[in-house]
Amino acid sequence: MPVRDVIVQKLSAKFAPSHLEVIDESHRHAGHSGSRPEGETHFRVRITADALSGLSRVAQHRAIMETLDVELKSGVHALAIEATACH
């Protein structure tokens, strides 16, 4: 399964977001540290979820990174996170 799909699946299951975008930006980092020719190394996550309400920005990012721990340890080099709590 593509890494992007795994990220979508895990974040959807954990946070039940009202909005979720997972964008593979690997092509923008070709030749940089951590990049691989096949891509799937650099991602941007845009997520809006009730589950993030009441958490500081740092806590939101930690929760997302903990959810994606396996991916971050096995090939995802960079993860840009844009998290918003539902109001």
PDB file of N, CA and C in Angstrom:
ATOM      1  N   MET A   1       0.857  -1.179   0.000  1.00  0.00           N
ATOM      2  CA  MET A   1       0.000   0.000   0.000  1.00  0.00           C
ATOM      3  C   MET A   1       0.898   1.236   0.000  1.00  0.00           C
ATOM      4  N   PRO A   2       0.593   2.223  -0.825  1.00  0.00           N
ATOM      5  CA  PRO A   2       1.389   3.456  -0.824  1.00  0.00           C
ATOM      6  C   PRO A   2       1.398   4.124   0.559  1.00  0.00           C
ATOM      7  N   VAL A   3       2.515   4.731   0.895  1.00  0.00           N
ATOM      8  CA  VAL A   3       2.678   5.384   2.195  1.00  0.00           C
ATOM      9  C   VAL A   3       1.587   6.438   2.410  1.00  0.00           C
ATOM     10  N   ARG A   4       1.262   7.187   1.384  1.00  0.00           N
ATOM     11  CA  ARG A   4       0.215   8.206   1.505  1.00  0.00           C
ATOM     12  C   ARG A   4      -1.093   7.581   1.976  1.00  0.00           C
ATOM     13  N   ASP A   5      -1.448   6.443   1.415  1.00  0.00           N
ATOM     14  CA  ASP A   5      -2.691   5.764   1.793  1.00  0.00           C
ATOM     15  C   ASP A   5      -2.655   5.273   3.237  1.00  0.00           C
ATOM     16  N   VAL A   6      -1.500   4.802   3.676  1.00  0.00           N
ATOM     17  CA  VAL A   6      -1.343   4.364   5.068  1.00  0.00           C
ATOM     18  C   VAL A   6      -1.534   5.554   6.005  1.00  0.00           C
ATOM     19  N   ILE A   7      -0.944   6.694   5.658  1.00  0.00           N
ATOM     20  CA  ILE A   7      -1.081   7.899   6.479  1.00  0.00           C
ATOM     21  C   ILE A   7      -2.546   8.317   6.560  1.00  0.00           C
ATOM     22  N   VAL A   8      -3.238   8.332   5.440  1.00  0.00           N
ATOM     23  CA  VAL A   8      -4.666   8.685   5.423  1.00  0.00           C
ATOM     24  C   VAL A   8      -5.450   7.727   6.310  1.00  0.00           C
ATOM     25  N   GLN A   9      -5.194   6.447   6.164  1.00  0.00           N
ATOM     26  CA  GLN A   9      -5.916   5.433   6.931  1.00  0.00           C
ATOM     27  C   GLN A   9      -5.696   5.609   8.438  1.00  0.00           C
ATOM     28  N   LYS A  10      -4.456   5.774   8.853  1.00  0.00           N
ATOM     29  CA  LYS A  10      -4.147   5.902  10.277  1.00  0.00           C
ATOM     30  C   LYS A  10      -4.723   7.178  10.883  1.00  0.00           C
ATOM     31  N   LEU A  11      -4.554   8.305  10.183  1.00  0.00           N
ATOM     32  CA  LEU A  11      -5.076   9.566  10.719  1.00  0.00           C
ATOM     33  C   LEU A  11      -6.604   9.562  10.745  1.00  0.00           C
ATOM     34  N   SER A  12      -7.227   8.969   9.755  1.00  0.00           N
ATOM     35  CA  SER A  12      -8.696   8.885   9.723  1.00  0.00           C
ATOM     36  C   SER A  12      -9.210   8.045  10.885  1.00  0.00           C
ATOM     37  N   ALA A  13      -8.556   6.920  11.143  1.00  0.00           N
ATOM     38  CA  ALA A  13      -8.977   6.035  12.227  1.00  0.00           C
ATOM     39  C   ALA A  13      -8.776   6.683  13.595  1.00  0.00           C
ATOM     40  N   LYS A  14      -7.670   7.381  13.778  1.00  0.00           N
ATOM     41  CA  LYS A  14      -7.337   7.966  15.087  1.00  0.00           C
ATOM     42  C   LYS A  14      -8.115   9.246  15.385  1.00  0.00           C
ATOM     43  N   PHE A  15      -8.287  10.117  14.390  1.00  0.00           N
ATOM     44  CA  PHE A  15      -8.828  11.448  14.654  1.00  0.00           C
ATOM     45  C   PHE A  15     -10.205  11.724  14.057  1.00  0.00           C
ATOM     46  N   ALA A  16     -10.711  10.858  13.191  1.00  0.00           N
ATOM     47  CA  ALA A  16     -12.010  11.068  12.520  1.00  0.00           C
ATOM     48  C   ALA A  16     -12.129  12.518  12.032  1.00  0.00           C
ATOM     49  N   PRO A  17     -11.218  12.941  11.187  1.00  0.00           N
ATOM     50  CA  PRO A  17     -11.185  14.351  10.780  1.00  0.00           C
ATOM     51  C   PRO A  17     -12.364  14.754   9.898  1.00  0.00           C
ATOM     52  N   SER A  18     -12.756  16.023  10.029  1.00  0.00           N
ATOM     53  CA  SER A  18     -13.763  16.574   9.124  1.00  0.00           C
ATOM     54  C   SER A  18     -13.102  16.992   7.813  1.00  0.00           C
ATOM     55  N   HIS A  19     -11.790  17.203   7.856  1.00  0.00           N
ATOM     56  CA  HIS A  19     -11.015  17.532   6.654  1.00  0.00           C
ATOM     57  C   HIS A  19      -9.639  16.895   6.796  1.00  0.00           C
ATOM     58  N   LEU A  20      -9.184  16.242   5.721  1.00  0.00           N
ATOM     59  CA  LEU A  20      -7.857  15.644   5.731  1.00  0.00           C
ATOM     60  C   LEU A  20      -7.284  15.664   4.321  1.00  0.00           C
ATOM     61  N   GLU A  21      -6.106  16.228   4.212  1.00  0.00           N
ATOM     62  CA  GLU A  21      -5.337  16.190   2.972  1.00  0.00           C
ATOM     63  C   GLU A  21      -3.956  15.653   3.319  1.00  0.00           C
ATOM     64  N   VAL A  22      -3.496  14.700   2.544  1.00  0.00           N
ATOM     65  CA  VAL A  22      -2.135  14.192   2.688  1.00  0.00           C
ATOM     66  C   VAL A  22      -1.491  14.340   1.318  1.00  0.00           C
ATOM     67  N   ILE A  23      -0.513  15.208   1.254  1.00  0.00           N
ATOM     68  CA  ILE A  23       0.105  15.575  -0.015  1.00  0.00           C
ATOM     69  C   ILE A  23       1.544  15.079  -0.037  1.00  0.00           C
ATOM     70  N   ASP A  24       1.874  14.283  -1.050  1.00  0.00           N
ATOM     71  CA  ASP A  24       3.238  13.815  -1.230  1.00  0.00           C
ATOM     72  C   ASP A  24       4.027  14.925  -1.923  1.00  0.00           C
ATOM     73  N   GLU A  25       4.942  15.535  -1.190  1.00  0.00           N
ATOM     74  CA  GLU A  25       5.761  16.628  -1.722  1.00  0.00           C
ATOM     75  C   GLU A  25       7.187  16.170  -2.015  1.00  0.00           C
ATOM     76  N   SER A  26       7.380  14.880  -2.128  1.00  0.00           N
ATOM     77  CA  SER A  26       8.715  14.321  -2.315  1.00  0.00           C
ATOM     78  C   SER A  26       9.417  14.890  -3.544  1.00  0.00           C
ATOM     79  N   HIS A  27       8.661  15.109  -4.605  1.00  0.00           N
ATOM     80  CA  HIS A  27       9.256  15.636  -5.842  1.00  0.00           C
ATOM     81  C   HIS A  27       9.915  16.997  -5.627  1.00  0.00           C
ATOM     82  N   ARG A  28       9.442  17.741  -4.646  1.00  0.00           N
ATOM     83  CA  ARG A  28      10.009  19.065  -4.364  1.00  0.00           C
ATOM     84  C   ARG A  28      11.331  18.976  -3.604  1.00  0.00           C
ATOM     85  N   HIS A  29      11.678  17.770  -3.146  1.00  0.00           N
ATOM     86  CA  HIS A  29      12.870  17.591  -2.320  1.00  0.00           C
ATOM     87  C   HIS A  29      13.883  16.652  -2.963  1.00  0.00           C
ATOM     88  N   ALA A  30      13.732  16.395  -4.246  1.00  0.00           N
ATOM     89  CA  ALA A  30      14.664  15.516  -4.956  1.00  0.00           C
ATOM     90  C   ALA A  30      16.092  16.010  -4.762  1.00  0.00           C
ATOM     91  N   GLY A  31      16.976  15.097  -4.392  1.00  0.00           N
ATOM     92  CA  GLY A  31      18.369  15.440  -4.164  1.00  0.00           C
ATOM     93  C   GLY A  31      18.670  15.917  -2.757  1.00  0.00           C
ATOM     94  N   HIS A  32      17.645  16.191  -1.962  1.00  0.00           N
ATOM     95  CA  HIS A  32      17.852  16.633  -0.584  1.00  0.00           C
ATOM     96  C   HIS A  32      18.060  15.428   0.325  1.00  0.00           C
ATOM     97  N   SER A  33      18.497  15.687   1.510  1.00  0.00           N
ATOM     98  CA  SER A  33      18.692  14.640   2.509  1.00  0.00           C
ATOM     99  C   SER A  33      17.393  13.870   2.725  1.00  0.00           C
ATOM    100  N   GLY A  34      17.500  12.566   2.750  1.00  0.00           N
ATOM    101  CA  GLY A  34      16.339  11.726   3.030  1.00  0.00           C
ATOM    102  C   GLY A  34      15.489  11.398   1.822  1.00  0.00           C
ATOM    103  N   SER A  35      15.731  12.017   0.691  1.00  0.00           N
ATOM    104  CA  SER A  35      14.902  11.747  -0.486  1.00  0.00           C
ATOM    105  C   SER A  35      15.326  10.433  -1.125  1.00  0.00           C
ATOM    106  N   ARG A  36      14.370   9.793  -1.774  1.00  0.00           N
ATOM    107  CA  ARG A  36      14.626   8.555  -2.516  1.00  0.00           C
ATOM    108  C   ARG A  36      14.041   8.724  -3.907  1.00  0.00           C
ATOM    109  N   PRO A  37      14.622   8.076  -4.894  1.00  0.00           N
ATOM    110  CA  PRO A  37      14.118   8.205  -6.267  1.00  0.00           C
ATOM    111  C   PRO A  37      12.636   7.827  -6.404  1.00  0.00           C
ATOM    112  N   GLU A  38      12.186   6.859  -5.635  1.00  0.00           N
ATOM    113  CA  GLU A  38      10.786   6.431  -5.724  1.00  0.00           C
ATOM    114  C   GLU A  38       9.824   7.341  -4.957  1.00  0.00           C
ATOM    115  N   GLY A  39      10.355   8.325  -4.267  1.00  0.00           N
ATOM    116  CA  GLY A  39       9.505   9.285  -3.548  1.00  0.00           C
ATOM    117  C   GLY A  39       8.987   8.741  -2.234  1.00  0.00           C
ATOM    118  N   GLU A  40       7.834   9.245  -1.820  1.00  0.00           N
ATOM    119  CA  GLU A  40       7.176   8.866  -0.565  1.00  0.00           C
ATOM    120  C   GLU A  40       8.052   9.116   0.660  1.00  0.00           C
ATOM    121  N   THR A  41       8.743  10.258   0.660  1.00  0.00           N
ATOM    122  CA  THR A  41       9.618  10.601   1.780  1.00  0.00           C
ATOM    123  C   THR A  41       9.237  11.906   2.463  1.00  0.00           C
ATOM    124  N   HIS A  42       8.564  12.790   1.753  1.00  0.00           N
ATOM    125  CA  HIS A  42       8.219  14.110   2.274  1.00  0.00           C
ATOM    126  C   HIS A  42       6.716  14.342   2.074  1.00  0.00           C
ATOM    127  N   PHE A  43       6.014  14.571   3.180  1.00  0.00           N
ATOM    128  CA  PHE A  43       4.563  14.742   3.114  1.00  0.00           C
ATOM    129  C   PHE A  43       4.113  15.999   3.848  1.00  0.00           C
ATOM    130  N   ARG A  44       2.983  16.522   3.420  1.00  0.00           N
ATOM    131  CA  ARG A  44       2.293  17.608   4.109  1.00  0.00           C
ATOM    132  C   ARG A  44       0.918  17.078   4.506  1.00  0.00           C
ATOM    133  N   VAL A  45       0.560  17.267   5.769  1.00  0.00           N
ATOM    134  CA  VAL A  45      -0.742  16.846   6.285  1.00  0.00           C
ATOM    135  C   VAL A  45      -1.517  18.090   6.689  1.00  0.00           C
ATOM    136  N   ARG A  46      -2.716  18.210   6.153  1.00  0.00           N
ATOM    137  CA  ARG A  46      -3.660  19.251   6.576  1.00  0.00           C
ATOM    138  C   ARG A  46      -4.843  18.529   7.186  1.00  0.00           C
ATOM    139  N   ILE A  47      -5.068  18.768   8.471  1.00  0.00           N
ATOM    140  CA  ILE A  47      -6.098  18.027   9.180  1.00  0.00           C
ATOM    141  C   ILE A  47      -6.913  18.956  10.078  1.00  0.00           C
ATOM    142  N   THR A  48      -8.211  18.750  10.070  1.00  0.00           N
ATOM    143  CA  THR A  48      -9.131  19.439  10.971  1.00  0.00           C
ATOM    144  C   THR A  48      -9.952  18.357  11.654  1.00  0.00           C
ATOM    145  N   ALA A  49      -9.946  18.380  12.997  1.00  0.00           N
ATOM    146  CA  ALA A  49     -10.639  17.321  13.729  1.00  0.00           C
ATOM    147  C   ALA A  49     -11.034  17.780  15.121  1.00  0.00           C
ATOM    148  N   ASP A  50     -12.207  17.340  15.564  1.00  0.00           N
ATOM    149  CA  ASP A  50     -12.656  17.595  16.935  1.00  0.00           C
ATOM    150  C   ASP A  50     -11.668  17.014  17.945  1.00  0.00           C
ATOM    151  N   ALA A  51     -11.063  15.886  17.599  1.00  0.00           N
ATOM    152  CA  ALA A  51     -10.145  15.211  18.513  1.00  0.00           C
ATOM    153  C   ALA A  51      -8.932  16.072  18.866  1.00  0.00           C
ATOM    154  N   LEU A  52      -8.674  17.106  18.092  1.00  0.00           N
ATOM    155  CA  LEU A  52      -7.541  17.990  18.360  1.00  0.00           C
ATOM    156  C   LEU A  52      -7.926  19.181  19.241  1.00  0.00           C
ATOM    157  N   SER A  53      -9.217  19.318  19.534  1.00  0.00           N
ATOM    158  CA  SER A  53      -9.700  20.427  20.375  1.00  0.00           C
ATOM    159  C   SER A  53      -9.105  20.326  21.776  1.00  0.00           C
ATOM    160  N   GLY A  54      -8.745  21.461  22.315  1.00  0.00           N
ATOM    161  CA  GLY A  54      -8.212  21.509  23.670  1.00  0.00           C
ATOM    162  C   GLY A  54      -6.727  21.184  23.757  1.00  0.00           C
ATOM    163  N   LEU A  55      -6.119  20.823  22.638  1.00  0.00           N
ATOM    164  CA  LEU A  55      -4.688  20.522  22.636  1.00  0.00           C
ATOM    165  C   LEU A  55      -3.913  21.734  22.121  1.00  0.00           C
ATOM    166  N   SER A  56      -2.761  21.966  22.712  1.00  0.00           N
ATOM    167  CA  SER A  56      -1.890  23.011  22.188  1.00  0.00           C
ATOM    168  C   SER A  56      -1.379  22.574  20.821  1.00  0.00           C
ATOM    169  N   ARG A  57      -0.816  23.500  20.090  1.00  0.00           N
ATOM    170  CA  ARG A  57      -0.279  23.170  18.769  1.00  0.00           C
ATOM    171  C   ARG A  57       0.787  22.078  18.880  1.00  0.00           C
ATOM    172  N   VAL A  58       1.633  22.181  19.880  1.00  0.00           N
ATOM    173  CA  VAL A  58       2.679  21.175  20.094  1.00  0.00           C
ATOM    174  C   VAL A  58       2.053  19.818  20.392  1.00  0.00           C
ATOM    175  N   ALA A  59       1.033  19.789  21.228  1.00  0.00           N
ATOM    176  CA  ALA A  59       0.362  18.527  21.565  1.00  0.00           C
ATOM    177  C   ALA A  59      -0.346  17.932  20.342  1.00  0.00           C
ATOM    178  N   GLN A  60      -0.923  18.787  19.503  1.00  0.00           N
ATOM    179  CA  GLN A  60      -1.553  18.305  18.269  1.00  0.00           C
ATOM    180  C   GLN A  60      -0.512  17.622  17.384  1.00  0.00           C
ATOM    181  N   HIS A  61       0.616  18.274  17.196  1.00  0.00           N
ATOM    182  CA  HIS A  61       1.675  17.725  16.351  1.00  0.00           C
ATOM    183  C   HIS A  61       2.227  16.427  16.934  1.00  0.00           C
ATOM    184  N   ARG A  62       2.404  16.393  18.250  1.00  0.00           N
ATOM    185  CA  ARG A  62       2.892  15.161  18.897  1.00  0.00           C
ATOM    186  C   ARG A  62       1.916  14.011  18.692  1.00  0.00           C
ATOM    187  N   ALA A  63       0.635  14.284  18.831  1.00  0.00           N
ATOM    188  CA  ALA A  63      -0.379  13.232  18.659  1.00  0.00           C
ATOM    189  C   ALA A  63      -0.348  12.680  17.236  1.00  0.00           C
ATOM    190  N   ILE A  64      -0.210  13.561  16.273  1.00  0.00           N
ATOM    191  CA  ILE A  64      -0.137  13.129  14.871  1.00  0.00           C
ATOM    192  C   ILE A  64       1.139  12.337  14.624  1.00  0.00           C
ATOM    193  N   MET A  65       2.249  12.819  15.121  1.00  0.00           N
ATOM    194  CA  MET A  65       3.522  12.127  14.912  1.00  0.00           C
ATOM    195  C   MET A  65       3.544  10.774  15.623  1.00  0.00           C
ATOM    196  N   GLU A  66       2.942  10.674  16.799  1.00  0.00           N
ATOM    197  CA  GLU A  66       2.857   9.386  17.489  1.00  0.00           C
ATOM    198  C   GLU A  66       2.018   8.398  16.680  1.00  0.00           C
ATOM    199  N   THR A  67       0.966   8.881  16.063  1.00  0.00           N
ATOM    200  CA  THR A  67       0.112   8.032  15.238  1.00  0.00           C
ATOM    201  C   THR A  67       0.875   7.499  14.030  1.00  0.00           C
ATOM    202  N   LEU A  68       1.807   8.280  13.528  1.00  0.00           N
ATOM    203  CA  LEU A  68       2.574   7.904  12.336  1.00  0.00           C
ATOM    204  C   LEU A  68       4.003   7.461  12.683  1.00  0.00           C
ATOM    205  N   ASP A  69       4.202   7.014  13.911  1.00  0.00           N
ATOM    206  CA  ASP A  69       5.531   6.640  14.395  1.00  0.00           C
ATOM    207  C   ASP A  69       6.232   5.627  13.486  1.00  0.00           C
ATOM    208  N   VAL A  70       5.534   4.587  13.083  1.00  0.00           N
ATOM    209  CA  VAL A  70       6.142   3.551  12.246  1.00  0.00           C
ATOM    210  C   VAL A  70       6.607   4.133  10.914  1.00  0.00           C
ATOM    211  N   GLU A  71       5.775   4.954  10.303  1.00  0.00           N
ATOM    212  CA  GLU A  71       6.125   5.552   9.013  1.00  0.00           C
ATOM    213  C   GLU A  71       7.309   6.507   9.145  1.00  0.00           C
ATOM    214  N   LEU A  72       7.346   7.267  10.230  1.00  0.00           N
ATOM    215  CA  LEU A  72       8.434   8.217  10.442  1.00  0.00           C
ATOM    216  C   LEU A  72       9.758   7.499  10.718  1.00  0.00           C
ATOM    217  N   LYS A  73       9.687   6.285  11.218  1.00  0.00           N
ATOM    218  CA  LYS A  73      10.903   5.510  11.486  1.00  0.00           C
ATOM    219  C   LYS A  73      11.307   4.633  10.309  1.00  0.00           C
ATOM    220  N   SER A  74      10.452   4.554   9.294  1.00  0.00           N
ATOM    221  CA  SER A  74      10.752   3.614   8.212  1.00  0.00           C
ATOM    222  C   SER A  74      10.657   4.233   6.825  1.00  0.00           C
ATOM    223  N   GLY A  75      11.086   5.465   6.668  1.00  0.00           N
ATOM    224  CA  GLY A  75      11.166   6.001   5.325  1.00  0.00           C
ATOM    225  C   GLY A  75      10.613   7.399   5.129  1.00  0.00           C
ATOM    226  N   VAL A  76       9.671   7.824   5.945  1.00  0.00           N
ATOM    227  CA  VAL A  76       9.178   9.195   5.814  1.00  0.00           C
ATOM    228  C   VAL A  76      10.215  10.093   6.484  1.00  0.00           C
ATOM    229  N   HIS A  77      10.819  10.946   5.695  1.00  0.00           N
ATOM    230  CA  HIS A  77      11.902  11.800   6.184  1.00  0.00           C
ATOM    231  C   HIS A  77      11.373  13.106   6.775  1.00  0.00           C
ATOM    232  N   ALA A  78      10.301  13.645   6.196  1.00  0.00           N
ATOM    233  CA  ALA A  78       9.785  14.937   6.647  1.00  0.00           C
ATOM    234  C   ALA A  78       8.265  14.935   6.605  1.00  0.00           C
ATOM    235  N   LEU A  79       7.678  15.559   7.627  1.00  0.00           N
ATOM    236  CA  LEU A  79       6.229  15.658   7.723  1.00  0.00           C
ATOM    237  C   LEU A  79       5.873  17.080   8.143  1.00  0.00           C
ATOM    238  N   ALA A  80       5.269  17.833   7.225  1.00  0.00           N
ATOM    239  CA  ALA A  80       4.779  19.181   7.546  1.00  0.00           C
ATOM    240  C   ALA A  80       3.336  19.026   7.998  1.00  0.00           C
ATOM    241  N   ILE A  81       3.003  19.608   9.142  1.00  0.00           N
ATOM    242  CA  ILE A  81       1.667  19.434   9.713  1.00  0.00           C
ATOM    243  C   ILE A  81       0.975  20.768   9.840  1.00  0.00           C
ATOM    244  N   GLU A  82      -0.246  20.835   9.288  1.00  0.00           N
ATOM    245  CA  GLU A  82      -1.129  21.984   9.448  1.00  0.00           C
ATOM    246  C   GLU A  82      -2.387  21.440  10.120  1.00  0.00           C
ATOM    247  N   ALA A  83      -2.455  21.596  11.433  1.00  0.00           N
ATOM    248  CA  ALA A  83      -3.544  21.015  12.210  1.00  0.00           C
ATOM    249  C   ALA A  83      -4.466  22.105  12.747  1.00  0.00           C
ATOM    250  N   THR A  84      -5.764  21.824  12.707  1.00  0.00           N
ATOM    251  CA  THR A  84      -6.769  22.750  13.215  1.00  0.00           C
ATOM    252  C   THR A  84      -7.814  21.951  13.982  1.00  0.00           C
ATOM    253  N   ALA A  85      -8.204  22.469  15.122  1.00  0.00           N
ATOM    254  CA  ALA A  85      -9.301  21.852  15.874  1.00  0.00           C
ATOM    255  C   ALA A  85     -10.612  22.408  15.365  1.00  0.00           C
ATOM    256  N   CYS A  86     -11.622  21.566  15.319  1.00  0.00           N
ATOM    257  CA  CYS A  86     -12.962  22.033  14.943  1.00  0.00           C
ATOM    258  C   CYS A  86     -13.491  22.934  16.047  1.00  0.00           C
ATOM    259  N   HIS A  87     -14.322  23.888  15.673  1.00  0.00           N
ATOM    260  CA  HIS A  87     -14.881  24.795  16.692  1.00  0.00           C
ATOM    261  C   HIS A  87     -16.369  24.621  16.767  1.00  0.00           C
TER     262      HIS A  87
END
